[in-house]
Amino acid sequence: MQNDHSSKPRGLPAATVAKVTELINYQNGAVVSREIIKMPGGNVTLFAFDKGESLTEHTSPFDALVQVLDGAADITIAGVSHRVQEGEIFLMPAHQAHALMATERYKMILTMIK
């Protein structure tokens, strides 16, 4: 029987305790991402944005849940800006244009379920 590696967690060993904010580091002038889980049903990715860094407007075919770990950002959905900050969650709806701008150094978990 062949192993299906696509259904196994990536980026974090199973049954391991980790401090989520230490799994990804800021880099000056950059957006850093680290895939933690990628499975057929969805994925979980960590992001670290330096202040002023952004993701340009795009759409996704799936809802995506943002969990803010550190800092603050403005997330724009269909032209409406929403400030998110440490300790908050925000649901980005599928099929709606969205963008993100880090108003200060910013870390988040992005969970997308297909």
N, C-alpha and C. Protein backbone atom coordinates (compact mmCIF):
# COMPACT_ATOMS: atom_id res chain seq x y z
N MET A 1 0.84 -1.19 0.00
CA MET A 1 0.00 0.00 0.00
C MET A 1 0.88 1.24 0.00
N GLN A 2 0.55 2.19 -0.83
CA GLN A 2 1.34 3.41 -0.95
C GLN A 2 0.89 4.43 0.10
N ASN A 3 1.87 5.11 0.72
CA ASN A 3 1.55 6.14 1.71
C ASN A 3 1.00 7.37 1.01
N ASP A 4 -0.02 7.98 1.60
CA ASP A 4 -0.59 9.21 1.08
C ASP A 4 -0.07 10.36 1.93
N HIS A 5 1.03 10.96 1.52
CA HIS A 5 1.65 12.03 2.30
C HIS A 5 0.82 13.31 2.28
N SER A 6 -0.08 13.46 1.30
CA SER A 6 -0.87 14.69 1.22
C SER A 6 -1.88 14.79 2.36
N SER A 7 -2.16 13.69 3.06
CA SER A 7 -3.13 13.74 4.15
C SER A 7 -2.46 13.82 5.51
N LYS A 8 -1.16 13.99 5.53
CA LYS A 8 -0.43 14.09 6.80
C LYS A 8 -0.12 15.54 7.11
N PRO A 9 -0.15 15.92 8.41
CA PRO A 9 0.24 17.28 8.77
C PRO A 9 1.64 17.61 8.28
N ARG A 10 1.86 18.87 7.92
CA ARG A 10 3.16 19.33 7.45
C ARG A 10 3.61 20.48 8.32
N GLY A 11 4.90 20.59 8.52
CA GLY A 11 5.43 21.76 9.20
C GLY A 11 5.40 21.71 10.71
N LEU A 12 4.76 20.72 11.28
CA LEU A 12 4.69 20.57 12.73
C LEU A 12 4.54 19.08 13.02
N PRO A 13 5.47 18.49 13.75
CA PRO A 13 5.35 17.07 14.07
C PRO A 13 4.08 16.80 14.88
N ALA A 14 3.44 15.67 14.60
CA ALA A 14 2.24 15.28 15.34
C ALA A 14 2.55 15.09 16.82
N ALA A 15 1.55 15.30 17.64
CA ALA A 15 1.63 15.11 19.09
C ALA A 15 2.77 15.91 19.71
N THR A 16 2.97 17.14 19.21
CA THR A 16 4.01 18.03 19.70
C THR A 16 3.39 19.33 20.19
N VAL A 17 3.77 19.76 21.38
CA VAL A 17 3.32 21.04 21.90
C VAL A 17 4.27 22.11 21.38
N ALA A 18 3.70 23.18 20.87
CA ALA A 18 4.53 24.27 20.35
C ALA A 18 3.87 25.60 20.70
N LYS A 19 4.68 26.61 20.91
CA LYS A 19 4.17 27.97 21.12
C LYS A 19 4.01 28.60 19.74
N VAL A 20 2.76 28.84 19.36
CA VAL A 20 2.46 29.22 17.99
C VAL A 20 3.20 30.48 17.54
N THR A 21 3.34 31.46 18.39
CA THR A 21 4.02 32.70 17.97
C THR A 21 5.50 32.50 17.72
N GLU A 22 6.07 31.40 18.21
CA GLU A 22 7.49 31.12 17.98
C GLU A 22 7.73 30.22 16.77
N LEU A 23 6.64 29.78 16.11
CA LEU A 23 6.78 28.92 14.94
C LEU A 23 7.12 29.70 13.67
N ILE A 24 6.98 31.02 13.74
CA ILE A 24 7.29 31.86 12.59
C ILE A 24 7.87 33.17 13.10
N ASN A 25 8.87 33.69 12.38
CA ASN A 25 9.54 34.92 12.79
C ASN A 25 9.31 36.04 11.79
N TYR A 26 9.35 37.25 12.29
CA TYR A 26 9.28 38.42 11.42
C TYR A 26 10.58 38.55 10.64
N GLN A 27 10.47 39.09 9.43
CA GLN A 27 11.64 39.48 8.64
C GLN A 27 11.40 40.90 8.15
N ASN A 28 12.41 41.74 8.27
CA ASN A 28 12.28 43.13 7.85
C ASN A 28 11.85 43.22 6.38
N GLY A 29 10.81 44.02 6.13
CA GLY A 29 10.37 44.27 4.76
C GLY A 29 9.78 43.08 4.04
N ALA A 30 9.23 42.11 4.79
CA ALA A 30 8.77 40.89 4.14
C ALA A 30 7.50 40.33 4.78
N VAL A 31 6.85 39.47 4.00
CA VAL A 31 5.77 38.62 4.49
C VAL A 31 6.33 37.21 4.49
N VAL A 32 6.25 36.55 5.64
CA VAL A 32 6.75 35.19 5.80
C VAL A 32 5.56 34.27 6.03
N SER A 33 5.55 33.10 5.40
CA SER A 33 4.48 32.14 5.65
C SER A 33 5.08 30.77 5.95
N ARG A 34 4.32 29.99 6.73
CA ARG A 34 4.73 28.63 7.08
C ARG A 34 3.49 27.75 7.11
N GLU A 35 3.46 26.80 6.21
CA GLU A 35 2.35 25.86 6.16
C GLU A 35 2.48 24.87 7.31
N ILE A 36 1.42 24.76 8.10
CA ILE A 36 1.43 23.84 9.24
C ILE A 36 0.71 22.54 8.88
N ILE A 37 -0.44 22.67 8.23
CA ILE A 37 -1.22 21.50 7.81
C ILE A 37 -1.73 21.75 6.40
N LYS A 38 -1.58 20.74 5.54
CA LYS A 38 -2.19 20.79 4.21
C LYS A 38 -2.80 19.43 3.96
N MET A 39 -4.12 19.42 3.87
CA MET A 39 -4.86 18.18 3.66
C MET A 39 -5.89 18.42 2.56
N PRO A 40 -6.45 17.37 2.00
CA PRO A 40 -7.46 17.56 0.95
C PRO A 40 -8.64 18.43 1.40
N GLY A 41 -8.97 18.42 2.68
CA GLY A 41 -10.11 19.18 3.18
C GLY A 41 -9.80 20.61 3.57
N GLY A 42 -8.53 21.02 3.51
CA GLY A 42 -8.19 22.38 3.88
C GLY A 42 -6.76 22.51 4.34
N ASN A 43 -6.39 23.71 4.79
CA ASN A 43 -5.02 23.92 5.25
C ASN A 43 -4.97 24.98 6.34
N VAL A 44 -3.86 24.97 7.07
CA VAL A 44 -3.59 25.94 8.12
C VAL A 44 -2.20 26.51 7.84
N THR A 45 -2.12 27.84 7.74
CA THR A 45 -0.86 28.50 7.43
C THR A 45 -0.62 29.64 8.41
N LEU A 46 0.60 29.76 8.89
CA LEU A 46 1.00 30.89 9.72
C LEU A 46 1.59 31.97 8.83
N PHE A 47 1.33 33.22 9.18
CA PHE A 47 1.90 34.35 8.46
C PHE A 47 2.50 35.33 9.45
N ALA A 48 3.61 35.97 9.05
CA ALA A 48 4.21 37.07 9.81
C ALA A 48 4.49 38.19 8.81
N PHE A 49 3.89 39.36 9.06
CA PHE A 49 4.02 40.53 8.18
C PHE A 49 4.82 41.60 8.90
N ASP A 50 5.81 42.16 8.25
CA ASP A 50 6.46 43.34 8.78
C ASP A 50 5.50 44.51 8.62
N LYS A 51 5.65 45.53 9.43
CA LYS A 51 4.79 46.72 9.34
C LYS A 51 4.81 47.28 7.93
N GLY A 52 3.62 47.55 7.39
CA GLY A 52 3.50 48.12 6.05
C GLY A 52 3.43 47.10 4.93
N GLU A 53 3.69 45.84 5.24
CA GLU A 53 3.61 44.80 4.21
C GLU A 53 2.15 44.41 3.98
N SER A 54 1.86 43.86 2.80
CA SER A 54 0.46 43.59 2.47
C SER A 54 0.31 42.37 1.57
N LEU A 55 -0.93 41.95 1.44
CA LEU A 55 -1.34 41.00 0.41
C LEU A 55 -2.29 41.78 -0.49
N THR A 56 -2.03 41.78 -1.77
CA THR A 56 -2.87 42.53 -2.70
C THR A 56 -4.24 41.85 -2.84
N GLU A 57 -5.17 42.62 -3.35
CA GLU A 57 -6.54 42.14 -3.47
C GLU A 57 -6.61 40.87 -4.32
N HIS A 58 -7.34 39.89 -3.82
CA HIS A 58 -7.55 38.62 -4.50
C HIS A 58 -8.83 37.99 -3.98
N THR A 59 -9.23 36.86 -4.57
CA THR A 59 -10.40 36.12 -4.09
C THR A 59 -10.00 34.69 -3.82
N SER A 60 -10.85 34.01 -3.07
CA SER A 60 -10.64 32.60 -2.76
C SER A 60 -11.98 31.88 -2.92
N PRO A 61 -11.95 30.63 -3.38
CA PRO A 61 -13.21 29.90 -3.53
C PRO A 61 -13.75 29.35 -2.20
N PHE A 62 -13.01 29.58 -1.10
CA PHE A 62 -13.41 29.04 0.20
C PHE A 62 -13.38 30.13 1.27
N ASP A 63 -14.22 29.97 2.30
CA ASP A 63 -14.13 30.84 3.47
C ASP A 63 -12.77 30.62 4.12
N ALA A 64 -12.25 31.66 4.75
CA ALA A 64 -10.96 31.57 5.45
C ALA A 64 -11.08 32.27 6.80
N LEU A 65 -10.66 31.60 7.85
CA LEU A 65 -10.71 32.16 9.20
C LEU A 65 -9.33 32.68 9.56
N VAL A 66 -9.27 33.96 9.95
CA VAL A 66 -8.04 34.60 10.41
C VAL A 66 -8.07 34.65 11.93
N GLN A 67 -7.01 34.16 12.57
CA GLN A 67 -6.83 34.27 14.02
C GLN A 67 -5.60 35.14 14.23
N VAL A 68 -5.79 36.30 14.85
CA VAL A 68 -4.70 37.24 15.02
C VAL A 68 -3.90 36.88 16.27
N LEU A 69 -2.60 36.64 16.08
CA LEU A 69 -1.70 36.24 17.17
C LEU A 69 -0.96 37.41 17.77
N ASP A 70 -0.65 38.40 16.93
CA ASP A 70 0.19 39.52 17.38
C ASP A 70 -0.04 40.69 16.44
N GLY A 71 -0.01 41.90 16.97
CA GLY A 71 -0.08 43.09 16.14
C GLY A 71 -1.46 43.43 15.65
N ALA A 72 -1.51 44.17 14.54
CA ALA A 72 -2.78 44.62 13.97
C ALA A 72 -2.63 44.77 12.46
N ALA A 73 -3.79 44.64 11.78
CA ALA A 73 -3.83 44.80 10.33
C ALA A 73 -5.20 45.31 9.92
N ASP A 74 -5.25 45.86 8.73
CA ASP A 74 -6.51 46.22 8.11
C ASP A 74 -6.80 45.19 7.03
N ILE A 75 -7.96 44.53 7.15
CA ILE A 75 -8.40 43.58 6.13
C ILE A 75 -9.57 44.23 5.40
N THR A 76 -9.45 44.33 4.10
CA THR A 76 -10.50 44.92 3.28
C THR A 76 -11.26 43.82 2.57
N ILE A 77 -12.57 43.81 2.76
CA ILE A 77 -13.46 42.85 2.11
C ILE A 77 -14.44 43.64 1.26
N ALA A 78 -14.44 43.38 -0.04
CA ALA A 78 -15.36 44.04 -0.96
C ALA A 78 -15.38 45.56 -0.74
N GLY A 79 -14.20 46.15 -0.54
CA GLY A 79 -14.07 47.59 -0.40
C GLY A 79 -14.29 48.15 0.99
N VAL A 80 -14.64 47.31 1.96
CA VAL A 80 -14.87 47.76 3.33
C VAL A 80 -13.70 47.31 4.22
N SER A 81 -13.06 48.28 4.91
CA SER A 81 -11.90 47.98 5.74
C SER A 81 -12.32 47.59 7.16
N HIS A 82 -11.63 46.57 7.69
CA HIS A 82 -11.88 46.08 9.05
C HIS A 82 -10.54 46.00 9.77
N ARG A 83 -10.41 46.63 10.93
CA ARG A 83 -9.19 46.54 11.74
C ARG A 83 -9.28 45.27 12.58
N VAL A 84 -8.23 44.45 12.53
CA VAL A 84 -8.14 43.25 13.37
C VAL A 84 -6.88 43.36 14.19
N GLN A 85 -6.95 42.85 15.43
CA GLN A 85 -5.77 42.92 16.30
C GLN A 85 -5.68 41.69 17.19
N GLU A 86 -4.56 41.61 17.89
CA GLU A 86 -4.23 40.46 18.73
C GLU A 86 -5.44 39.97 19.52
N GLY A 87 -5.65 38.65 19.47
CA GLY A 87 -6.72 38.01 20.22
C GLY A 87 -8.05 37.96 19.49
N GLU A 88 -8.14 38.54 18.29
CA GLU A 88 -9.40 38.55 17.55
C GLU A 88 -9.39 37.54 16.41
N ILE A 89 -10.60 37.17 15.98
CA ILE A 89 -10.75 36.32 14.80
C ILE A 89 -11.61 37.06 13.79
N PHE A 90 -11.49 36.67 12.53
CA PHE A 90 -12.21 37.35 11.45
C PHE A 90 -12.44 36.34 10.34
N LEU A 91 -13.68 36.23 9.87
CA LEU A 91 -14.01 35.31 8.80
C LEU A 91 -14.03 36.06 7.47
N MET A 92 -13.18 35.62 6.55
CA MET A 92 -13.16 36.20 5.21
C MET A 92 -14.03 35.32 4.31
N PRO A 93 -15.11 35.86 3.77
CA PRO A 93 -16.03 35.04 2.99
C PRO A 93 -15.48 34.66 1.62
N ALA A 94 -15.87 33.48 1.17
CA ALA A 94 -15.48 33.00 -0.16
C ALA A 94 -16.02 33.92 -1.24
N HIS A 95 -15.30 33.98 -2.35
CA HIS A 95 -15.73 34.66 -3.57
C HIS A 95 -15.87 36.18 -3.43
N GLN A 96 -15.31 36.76 -2.36
CA GLN A 96 -15.33 38.22 -2.22
C GLN A 96 -13.89 38.72 -2.22
N ALA A 97 -13.65 39.75 -2.99
CA ALA A 97 -12.30 40.31 -3.07
C ALA A 97 -11.86 40.79 -1.69
N HIS A 98 -10.61 40.44 -1.33
CA HIS A 98 -10.07 40.86 -0.05
C HIS A 98 -8.58 41.15 -0.18
N ALA A 99 -8.11 42.01 0.73
CA ALA A 99 -6.70 42.40 0.78
C ALA A 99 -6.34 42.63 2.25
N LEU A 100 -5.04 42.67 2.54
CA LEU A 100 -4.58 42.85 3.91
C LEU A 100 -3.39 43.79 3.93
N MET A 101 -3.37 44.71 4.91
CA MET A 101 -2.25 45.62 5.12
C MET A 101 -1.89 45.60 6.61
N ALA A 102 -0.64 45.25 6.91
CA ALA A 102 -0.17 45.24 8.30
C ALA A 102 0.07 46.67 8.77
N THR A 103 -0.70 47.14 9.74
CA THR A 103 -0.53 48.49 10.26
C THR A 103 0.58 48.54 11.31
N GLU A 104 1.00 47.37 11.77
CA GLU A 104 2.17 47.17 12.62
C GLU A 104 2.61 45.73 12.38
N ARG A 105 3.70 45.32 12.95
CA ARG A 105 4.10 43.92 12.77
C ARG A 105 2.93 43.04 13.19
N TYR A 106 2.67 41.98 12.41
CA TYR A 106 1.41 41.26 12.51
C TYR A 106 1.63 39.77 12.24
N LYS A 107 1.11 38.93 13.12
CA LYS A 107 1.14 37.48 12.91
C LYS A 107 -0.28 36.94 12.96
N MET A 108 -0.56 35.98 12.06
CA MET A 108 -1.89 35.37 12.05
C MET A 108 -1.81 33.91 11.66
N ILE A 109 -2.86 33.19 12.05
CA ILE A 109 -3.11 31.83 11.56
C ILE A 109 -4.24 31.96 10.56
N LEU A 110 -4.06 31.41 9.37
CA LEU A 110 -5.11 31.39 8.35
C LEU A 110 -5.56 29.95 8.19
N THR A 111 -6.85 29.69 8.45
CA THR A 111 -7.42 28.35 8.32
C THR A 111 -8.43 28.38 7.20
N MET A 112 -8.18 27.56 6.18
CA MET A 112 -9.10 27.47 5.05
C MET A 112 -9.65 26.05 4.98
N ILE A 113 -10.97 25.95 5.04
CA ILE A 113 -11.65 24.66 4.95
C ILE A 113 -12.36 24.60 3.61
N LYS A 114 -12.09 23.54 2.89
CA LYS A 114 -12.70 23.40 1.54
C LYS A 114 -14.07 22.78 1.65
